[in-house]
PDB file of N, CA and C in Angstrom:
ATOM      1  N   MET A   1      70.308 -38.359 -95.635  1.00  0.00           N
ATOM      2  CA  MET A   1      70.952 -38.231 -94.055  1.00  0.00           C
ATOM      3  C   MET A   1      69.873 -38.169 -92.313  1.00  0.00           C
ATOM      4  N   ASN A   2      70.717 -39.255 -91.980  1.00  0.00           N
ATOM      5  CA  ASN A   2      69.886 -39.006 -90.527  1.00  0.00           C
ATOM      6  C   ASN A   2      69.978 -38.697 -90.010  1.00  0.00           C
ATOM      7  N   ASN A   3      68.390 -38.522 -88.596  1.00  0.00           N
ATOM      8  CA  ASN A   3      68.364 -38.059 -87.980  1.00  0.00           C
ATOM      9  C   ASN A   3      68.495 -38.300 -86.544  1.00  0.00           C
ATOM     10  N   ILE A   4      69.823 -38.955 -86.248  1.00  0.00           N
ATOM     11  CA  ILE A   4      70.437 -39.057 -84.801  1.00  0.00           C
ATOM     12  C   ILE A   4      71.538 -37.229 -84.970  1.00  0.00           C
ATOM     13  N   THR A   5      71.320 -37.465 -83.339  1.00  0.00           N
ATOM     14  CA  THR A   5      72.166 -35.825 -83.025  1.00  0.00           C
ATOM     15  C   THR A   5      73.011 -36.868 -81.802  1.00  0.00           C
ATOM     16  N   THR A   6      74.479 -36.199 -81.454  1.00  0.00           N
ATOM     17  CA  THR A   6      74.450 -36.937 -80.856  1.00  0.00           C
ATOM     18  C   THR A   6      74.990 -35.372 -79.378  1.00  0.00           C
ATOM     19  N   ILE A   7      74.618 -35.480 -77.800  1.00  0.00           N
ATOM     20  CA  ILE A   7      74.344 -34.968 -77.333  1.00  0.00           C
ATOM     21  C   ILE A   7      75.670 -35.383 -76.116  1.00  0.00           C
ATOM     22  N   GLN A   8      76.441 -34.404 -75.934  1.00  0.00           N
ATOM     23  CA  GLN A   8      76.905 -34.233 -74.367  1.00  0.00           C
ATOM     24  C   GLN A   8      76.586 -34.476 -72.846  1.00  0.00           C
ATOM     25  N   LEU A   9      76.583 -34.716 -72.118  1.00  0.00           N
ATOM     26  CA  LEU A   9      75.784 -35.266 -70.357  1.00  0.00           C
ATOM     27  C   LEU A   9      76.655 -35.558 -69.189  1.00  0.00           C
ATOM     28  N   GLU A  10      76.783 -35.014 -68.592  1.00  0.00           N
ATOM     29  CA  GLU A  10      77.929 -35.496 -67.954  1.00  0.00           C
ATOM     30  C   GLU A  10      77.908 -36.536 -67.418  1.00  0.00           C
ATOM     31  N   LYS A  11      79.109 -37.590 -66.594  1.00  0.00           N
ATOM     32  CA  LYS A  11      79.112 -38.420 -65.804  1.00  0.00           C
ATOM     33  C   LYS A  11      77.400 -39.196 -64.881  1.00  0.00           C
ATOM     34  N   SER A  12      77.362 -37.927 -64.264  1.00  0.00           N
ATOM     35  CA  SER A  12      76.594 -38.572 -63.041  1.00  0.00           C
ATOM     36  C   SER A  12      75.186 -38.516 -63.809  1.00  0.00           C
ATOM     37  N   VAL A  13      75.264 -37.533 -64.935  1.00  0.00           N
ATOM     38  CA  VAL A  13      73.521 -37.214 -65.746  1.00  0.00           C
ATOM     39  C   VAL A  13      73.435 -39.576 -66.752  1.00  0.00           C
ATOM     40  N   VAL A  14      74.333 -39.632 -67.417  1.00  0.00           N
ATOM     41  CA  VAL A  14      74.134 -41.102 -67.808  1.00  0.00           C
ATOM     42  C   VAL A  14      74.677 -42.496 -66.409  1.00  0.00           C
ATOM     43  N   LYS A  15      74.644 -41.629 -65.313  1.00  0.00           N
ATOM     44  CA  LYS A  15      74.401 -42.729 -64.160  1.00  0.00           C
ATOM     45  C   LYS A  15      73.610 -42.706 -63.226  1.00  0.00           C
ATOM     46  N   GLU A  16      72.541 -41.845 -64.144  1.00  0.00           N
ATOM     47  CA  GLU A  16      70.634 -41.682 -63.433  1.00  0.00           C
ATOM     48  C   GLU A  16      70.008 -42.263 -64.215  1.00  0.00           C
ATOM     49  N   LEU A  17      70.948 -42.068 -65.771  1.00  0.00           N
ATOM     50  CA  LEU A  17      69.760 -42.129 -67.047  1.00  0.00           C
ATOM     51  C   LEU A  17      69.520 -44.165 -66.767  1.00  0.00           C
ATOM     52  N   LYS A  18      70.884 -44.594 -66.679  1.00  0.00           N
ATOM     53  CA  LYS A  18      71.304 -46.390 -66.528  1.00  0.00           C
ATOM     54  C   LYS A  18      70.595 -46.386 -65.588  1.00  0.00           C
ATOM     55  N   LYS A  19      70.231 -45.475 -64.071  1.00  0.00           N
ATOM     56  CA  LYS A  19      69.926 -46.647 -62.972  1.00  0.00           C
ATOM     57  C   LYS A  19      68.437 -46.668 -63.070  1.00  0.00           C
ATOM     58  N   ASN A  20      67.556 -45.856 -64.442  1.00  0.00           N
ATOM     59  CA  ASN A  20      66.053 -45.650 -64.978  1.00  0.00           C
ATOM     60  C   ASN A  20      66.081 -46.708 -65.302  1.00  0.00           C
ATOM     61  N   LYS A  21      66.890 -46.842 -66.557  1.00  0.00           N
ATOM     62  CA  LYS A  21      66.044 -47.960 -67.647  1.00  0.00           C
ATOM     63  C   LYS A  21      65.118 -49.204 -66.867  1.00  0.00           C
ATOM     64  N   ASP A  22      64.082 -49.293 -67.372  1.00  0.00           N
ATOM     65  CA  ASP A  22      63.153 -50.713 -67.375  1.00  0.00           C
ATOM     66  C   ASP A  22      63.700 -51.910 -67.632  1.00  0.00           C
ATOM     67  N   TYR A  23      64.738 -51.322 -68.533  1.00  0.00           N
ATOM     68  CA  TYR A  23      64.833 -52.862 -68.913  1.00  0.00           C
ATOM     69  C   TYR A  23      66.312 -52.185 -69.300  1.00  0.00           C
ATOM     70  N   PRO A  24      67.180 -53.501 -69.360  1.00  0.00           N
ATOM     71  CA  PRO A  24      69.016 -53.992 -69.124  1.00  0.00           C
ATOM     72  C   PRO A  24      69.193 -52.571 -71.339  1.00  0.00           C
ATOM     73  N   ARG A  25      68.040 -53.069 -71.226  1.00  0.00           N
ATOM     74  CA  ARG A  25      69.080 -53.091 -72.837  1.00  0.00           C
ATOM     75  C   ARG A  25      67.975 -51.911 -73.667  1.00  0.00           C
ATOM     76  N   GLN A  26      67.574 -51.404 -72.750  1.00  0.00           N
ATOM     77  CA  GLN A  26      66.860 -50.403 -72.626  1.00  0.00           C
ATOM     78  C   GLN A  26      67.174 -49.169 -73.599  1.00  0.00           C
ATOM     79  N   SER A  27      67.111 -48.697 -74.963  1.00  0.00           N
ATOM     80  CA  SER A  27      67.891 -47.275 -75.369  1.00  0.00           C
ATOM     81  C   SER A  27      67.171 -46.521 -74.659  1.00  0.00           C
ATOM     82  N   TYR A  28      68.955 -45.165 -74.101  1.00  0.00           N
ATOM     83  CA  TYR A  28      68.916 -43.561 -74.051  1.00  0.00           C
ATOM     84  C   TYR A  28      68.120 -42.887 -74.494  1.00  0.00           C
ATOM     85  N   ASN A  29      67.053 -43.159 -75.896  1.00  0.00           N
ATOM     86  CA  ASN A  29      66.363 -42.896 -76.936  1.00  0.00           C
ATOM     87  C   ASN A  29      65.040 -42.930 -76.163  1.00  0.00           C
ATOM     88  N   GLU A  30      64.771 -44.336 -75.967  1.00  0.00           N
ATOM     89  CA  GLU A  30      63.783 -45.084 -75.735  1.00  0.00           C
ATOM     90  C   GLU A  30      63.109 -43.744 -74.322  1.00  0.00           C
ATOM     91  N   LEU A  31      64.174 -43.983 -73.196  1.00  0.00           N
ATOM     92  CA  LEU A  31      63.951 -43.742 -71.569  1.00  0.00           C
ATOM     93  C   LEU A  31      63.790 -42.545 -71.715  1.00  0.00           C
ATOM     94  N   ILE A  32      64.675 -41.695 -72.087  1.00  0.00           N
ATOM     95  CA  ILE A  32      64.643 -40.117 -72.532  1.00  0.00           C
ATOM     96  C   ILE A  32      63.323 -39.491 -73.441  1.00  0.00           C
ATOM     97  N   SER A  33      62.535 -40.385 -73.966  1.00  0.00           N
ATOM     98  CA  SER A  33      60.845 -40.171 -74.537  1.00  0.00           C
ATOM     99  C   SER A  33      60.512 -40.651 -73.532  1.00  0.00           C
ATOM    100  N   ASN A  34      60.090 -41.436 -72.942  1.00  0.00           N
ATOM    101  CA  ASN A  34      59.505 -41.502 -71.640  1.00  0.00           C
ATOM    102  C   ASN A  34      59.092 -40.775 -70.634  1.00  0.00           C
ATOM    103  N   MET A  35      60.886 -39.658 -70.722  1.00  0.00           N
ATOM    104  CA  MET A  35      60.803 -39.229 -68.824  1.00  0.00           C
ATOM    105  C   MET A  35      60.190 -37.694 -69.545  1.00  0.00           C
ATOM    106  N   ILE A  36      59.965 -37.631 -70.979  1.00  0.00           N
ATOM    107  CA  ILE A  36      59.664 -36.861 -71.407  1.00  0.00           C
ATOM    108  C   ILE A  36      58.341 -36.695 -71.592  1.00  0.00           C
ATOM    109  N   LYS A  37      57.410 -37.842 -71.794  1.00  0.00           N
ATOM    110  CA  LYS A  37      56.100 -38.424 -72.082  1.00  0.00           C
ATOM    111  C   LYS A  37      55.210 -37.962 -70.343  1.00  0.00           C
ATOM    112  N   ALA A  38      55.956 -38.544 -69.576  1.00  0.00           N
ATOM    113  CA  ALA A  38      55.832 -38.094 -68.480  1.00  0.00           C
ATOM    114  C   ALA A  38      55.803 -37.436 -67.391  1.00  0.00           C
ATOM    115  N   PHE A  39      56.409 -36.152 -68.418  1.00  0.00           N
ATOM    116  CA  PHE A  39      56.536 -34.834 -67.377  1.00  0.00           C
ATOM    117  C   PHE A  39      55.598 -34.240 -68.362  1.00  0.00           C
ATOM    118  N   LYS A  40      55.751 -33.800 -69.852  1.00  0.00           N
ATOM    119  CA  LYS A  40      54.717 -33.517 -70.409  1.00  0.00           C
ATOM    120  C   LYS A  40      52.982 -33.957 -69.655  1.00  0.00           C
ATOM    121  N   SER A  41      52.799 -35.280 -69.235  1.00  0.00           N
ATOM    122  CA  SER A  41      51.624 -34.975 -68.682  1.00  0.00           C
ATOM    123  C   SER A  41      50.834 -34.989 -67.207  1.00  0.00           C
ATOM    124  N   LEU A  42      52.804 -34.523 -66.060  1.00  0.00           N
ATOM    125  CA  LEU A  42      52.777 -34.357 -64.490  1.00  0.00           C
ATOM    126  C   LEU A  42      52.093 -32.639 -64.857  1.00  0.00           C
ATOM    127  N   LYS A  43      53.370 -32.519 -66.143  1.00  0.00           N
ATOM    128  CA  LYS A  43      52.694 -30.457 -66.008  1.00  0.00           C
ATOM    129  C   LYS A  43      51.464 -30.235 -66.531  1.00  0.00           C
ATOM    130  N   LYS A  44      50.715 -30.609 -66.997  1.00  0.00           N
ATOM    131  CA  LYS A  44      49.046 -31.112 -68.059  1.00  0.00           C
ATOM    132  C   LYS A  44      48.909 -30.787 -66.350  1.00  0.00           C
ATOM    133  N   ARG A  45      48.306 -31.963 -65.858  1.00  0.00           N
ATOM    134  CA  ARG A  45      47.874 -31.781 -64.726  1.00  0.00           C
ATOM    135  C   ARG A  45      48.055 -30.982 -63.231  1.00  0.00           C
ATOM    136  N   ASN A  46      49.460 -30.091 -63.228  1.00  0.00           N
ATOM    137  CA  ASN A  46      49.944 -29.148 -62.447  1.00  0.00           C
ATOM    138  C   ASN A  46      48.535 -28.344 -63.018  1.00  0.00           C
ATOM    139  N   GLN A  47      48.802 -28.671 -64.162  1.00  0.00           N
ATOM    140  CA  GLN A  47      47.548 -26.710 -64.322  1.00  0.00           C
ATOM    141  C   GLN A  47      46.362 -26.826 -64.332  1.00  0.00           C
ATOM    142  N   TYR A  48      46.182 -27.956 -64.407  1.00  0.00           N
ATOM    143  CA  TYR A  48      44.313 -28.186 -64.544  1.00  0.00           C
ATOM    144  C   TYR A  48      44.180 -28.876 -63.081  1.00  0.00           C
ATOM    145  N   ASN A  49      44.815 -28.702 -61.876  1.00  0.00           N
ATOM    146  CA  ASN A  49      45.036 -29.051 -60.232  1.00  0.00           C
ATOM    147  C   ASN A  49      45.075 -26.774 -60.126  1.00  0.00           C
ATOM    148  N   GLU A  50      46.113 -25.819 -60.790  1.00  0.00           N
ATOM    149  CA  GLU A  50      45.993 -25.019 -60.418  1.00  0.00           C
ATOM    150  C   GLU A  50      44.365 -24.103 -61.092  1.00  0.00           C
ATOM    151  N   PHE A  51      44.625 -24.637 -61.897  1.00  0.00           N
ATOM    152  CA  PHE A  51      42.716 -24.179 -62.320  1.00  0.00           C
ATOM    153  C   PHE A  51      41.791 -24.178 -61.209  1.00  0.00           C
ATOM    154  N   LEU A  52      41.665 -25.386 -60.864  1.00  0.00           N
ATOM    155  CA  LEU A  52      40.897 -26.338 -60.196  1.00  0.00           C
ATOM    156  C   LEU A  52      40.748 -25.071 -58.538  1.00  0.00           C
ATOM    157  N   HIS A  53      42.267 -24.902 -58.247  1.00  0.00           N
ATOM    158  CA  HIS A  53      42.814 -24.100 -57.303  1.00  0.00           C
ATOM    159  C   HIS A  53      41.572 -22.664 -57.050  1.00  0.00           C
ATOM    160  N   LYS A  54      42.605 -21.668 -58.337  1.00  0.00           N
ATOM    161  CA  LYS A  54      41.706 -20.721 -58.840  1.00  0.00           C
ATOM    162  C   LYS A  54      40.177 -20.398 -58.588  1.00  0.00           C
ATOM    163  N   ILE A  55      39.397 -21.405 -58.937  1.00  0.00           N
ATOM    164  CA  ILE A  55      38.335 -21.449 -58.522  1.00  0.00           C
ATOM    165  C   ILE A  55      37.865 -21.972 -57.681  1.00  0.00           C
ATOM    166  N   GLN A  56      38.096 -22.733 -56.585  1.00  0.00           N
ATOM    167  CA  GLN A  56      38.469 -23.379 -55.179  1.00  0.00           C
ATOM    168  C   GLN A  56      38.044 -21.999 -54.149  1.00  0.00           C
ATOM    169  N   GLN A  57      39.236 -21.312 -54.998  1.00  0.00           N
ATOM    170  CA  GLN A  57      39.933 -19.920 -53.997  1.00  0.00           C
ATOM    171  C   GLN A  57      38.863 -18.644 -53.730  1.00  0.00           C
ATOM    172  N   GLN A  58      38.470 -19.016 -55.025  1.00  0.00           N
ATOM    173  CA  GLN A  58      36.810 -17.523 -54.679  1.00  0.00           C
ATOM    174  C   GLN A  58      36.274 -17.740 -54.300  1.00  0.00           C
ATOM    175  N   LYS A  59      35.128 -19.309 -54.513  1.00  0.00           N
ATOM    176  CA  LYS A  59      33.774 -20.042 -53.539  1.00  0.00           C
ATOM    177  C   LYS A  59      34.861 -20.279 -52.253  1.00  0.00           C
ATOM    178  N   MET A  60      36.307 -19.834 -51.423  1.00  0.00           N
ATOM    179  CA  MET A  60      36.238 -20.115 -50.770  1.00  0.00           C
ATOM    180  C   MET A  60      35.957 -18.575 -50.264  1.00  0.00           C
ATOM    181  N   LYS A  61      36.778 -17.791 -50.788  1.00  0.00           N
ATOM    182  CA  LYS A  61      36.242 -16.223 -50.627  1.00  0.00           C
ATOM    183  C   LYS A  61      34.338 -16.546 -49.977  1.00  0.00           C
ATOM    184  N   GLU A  62      34.376 -17.152 -51.307  1.00  0.00           N
ATOM    185  CA  GLU A  62      32.022 -16.676 -50.865  1.00  0.00           C
ATOM    186  C   GLU A  62      31.558 -16.556 -49.439  1.00  0.00           C
ATOM    187  N   LEU A  63      31.734 -17.500 -49.374  1.00  0.00           N
ATOM    188  CA  LEU A  63      31.707 -18.517 -48.230  1.00  0.00           C
ATOM    189  C   LEU A  63      32.618 -18.213 -46.565  1.00  0.00           C
ATOM    190  N   TRP A  64      33.690 -18.024 -47.116  1.00  0.00           N
ATOM    191  CA  TRP A  64      34.432 -17.260 -45.909  1.00  0.00           C
ATOM    192  C   TRP A  64      34.071 -16.197 -45.247  1.00  0.00           C
ATOM    193  N   CYS A  65      34.046 -14.864 -46.338  1.00  0.00           N
ATOM    194  CA  CYS A  65      34.671 -13.661 -45.893  1.00  0.00           C
ATOM    195  C   CYS A  65      32.649 -13.856 -45.921  1.00  0.00           C
ATOM    196  N   ARG A  66      32.422 -13.377 -45.301  1.00  0.00           N
ATOM    197  CA  ARG A  66      31.358 -12.480 -45.111  1.00  0.00           C
ATOM    198  C   ARG A  66      30.775 -11.448 -43.826  1.00  0.00           C
ATOM    199  N   GLU A  67      29.500 -10.750 -44.901  1.00  0.00           N
ATOM    200  CA  GLU A  67      29.613  -9.702 -42.996  1.00  0.00           C
ATOM    201  C   GLU A  67      28.440 -10.762 -41.602  1.00  0.00           C
ATOM    202  N   GLU A  68      28.166 -11.553 -42.161  1.00  0.00           N
ATOM    203  CA  GLU A  68      27.861 -12.053 -41.441  1.00  0.00           C
ATOM    204  C   GLU A  68      28.313 -12.697 -39.988  1.00  0.00           C
ATOM    205  N   ASP A  69      29.318 -13.187 -40.710  1.00  0.00           N
ATOM    206  CA  ASP A  69      30.278 -13.905 -40.138  1.00  0.00           C
ATOM    207  C   ASP A  69      31.293 -13.111 -38.953  1.00  0.00           C
ATOM    208  N   GLU A  70      31.634 -11.388 -39.507  1.00  0.00           N
ATOM    209  CA  GLU A  70      31.827 -10.652 -38.458  1.00  0.00           C
ATOM    210  C   GLU A  70      30.865 -10.007 -37.537  1.00  0.00           C
ATOM    211  N   ASP A  71      29.658 -10.458 -37.737  1.00  0.00           N
ATOM    212  CA  ASP A  71      28.593 -10.130 -36.959  1.00  0.00           C
ATOM    213  C   ASP A  71      29.607 -10.353 -35.433  1.00  0.00           C
ATOM    214  N   TRP A  72      29.047 -12.022 -35.668  1.00  0.00           N
ATOM    215  CA  TRP A  72      29.134 -13.394 -34.747  1.00  0.00           C
ATOM    216  C   TRP A  72      31.090 -12.603 -33.732  1.00  0.00           C
ATOM    217  N   GLU A  73      31.459 -12.525 -34.876  1.00  0.00           N
ATOM    218  CA  GLU A  73      32.813 -12.059 -33.413  1.00  0.00           C
ATOM    219  C   GLU A  73      32.816 -10.494 -32.697  1.00  0.00           C
ATOM    220  N   ASN A  74      31.844  -9.473 -33.104  1.00  0.00           N
ATOM    221  CA  ASN A  74      31.597  -8.471 -32.135  1.00  0.00           C
ATOM    222  C   ASN A  74      30.058  -8.749 -31.639  1.00  0.00           C
ATOM    223  N   ALA A  75      29.966  -9.529 -31.483  1.00  0.00           N
ATOM    224  CA  ALA A  75      28.947 -10.398 -30.728  1.00  0.00           C
ATOM    225  C   ALA A  75      29.461 -10.509 -29.389  1.00  0.00           C
TER     226      ALA A  75
END
């Protein structure tokens, strides 16, 4: 038994896939596999950026939300 399946795509999606081929004879299977790898990499990078942002956010609160700074506003 073969591990190949058929999927239905809108013609507009197929048109976009054709535009994004790296070379004319590239299969849709290879193209979609490359897109999946790129998506996973981007998703992982975004998770890392969100993690760093959360850490930085806490440190910024420590630096900017100090009582000494509030005393200057009332001087």
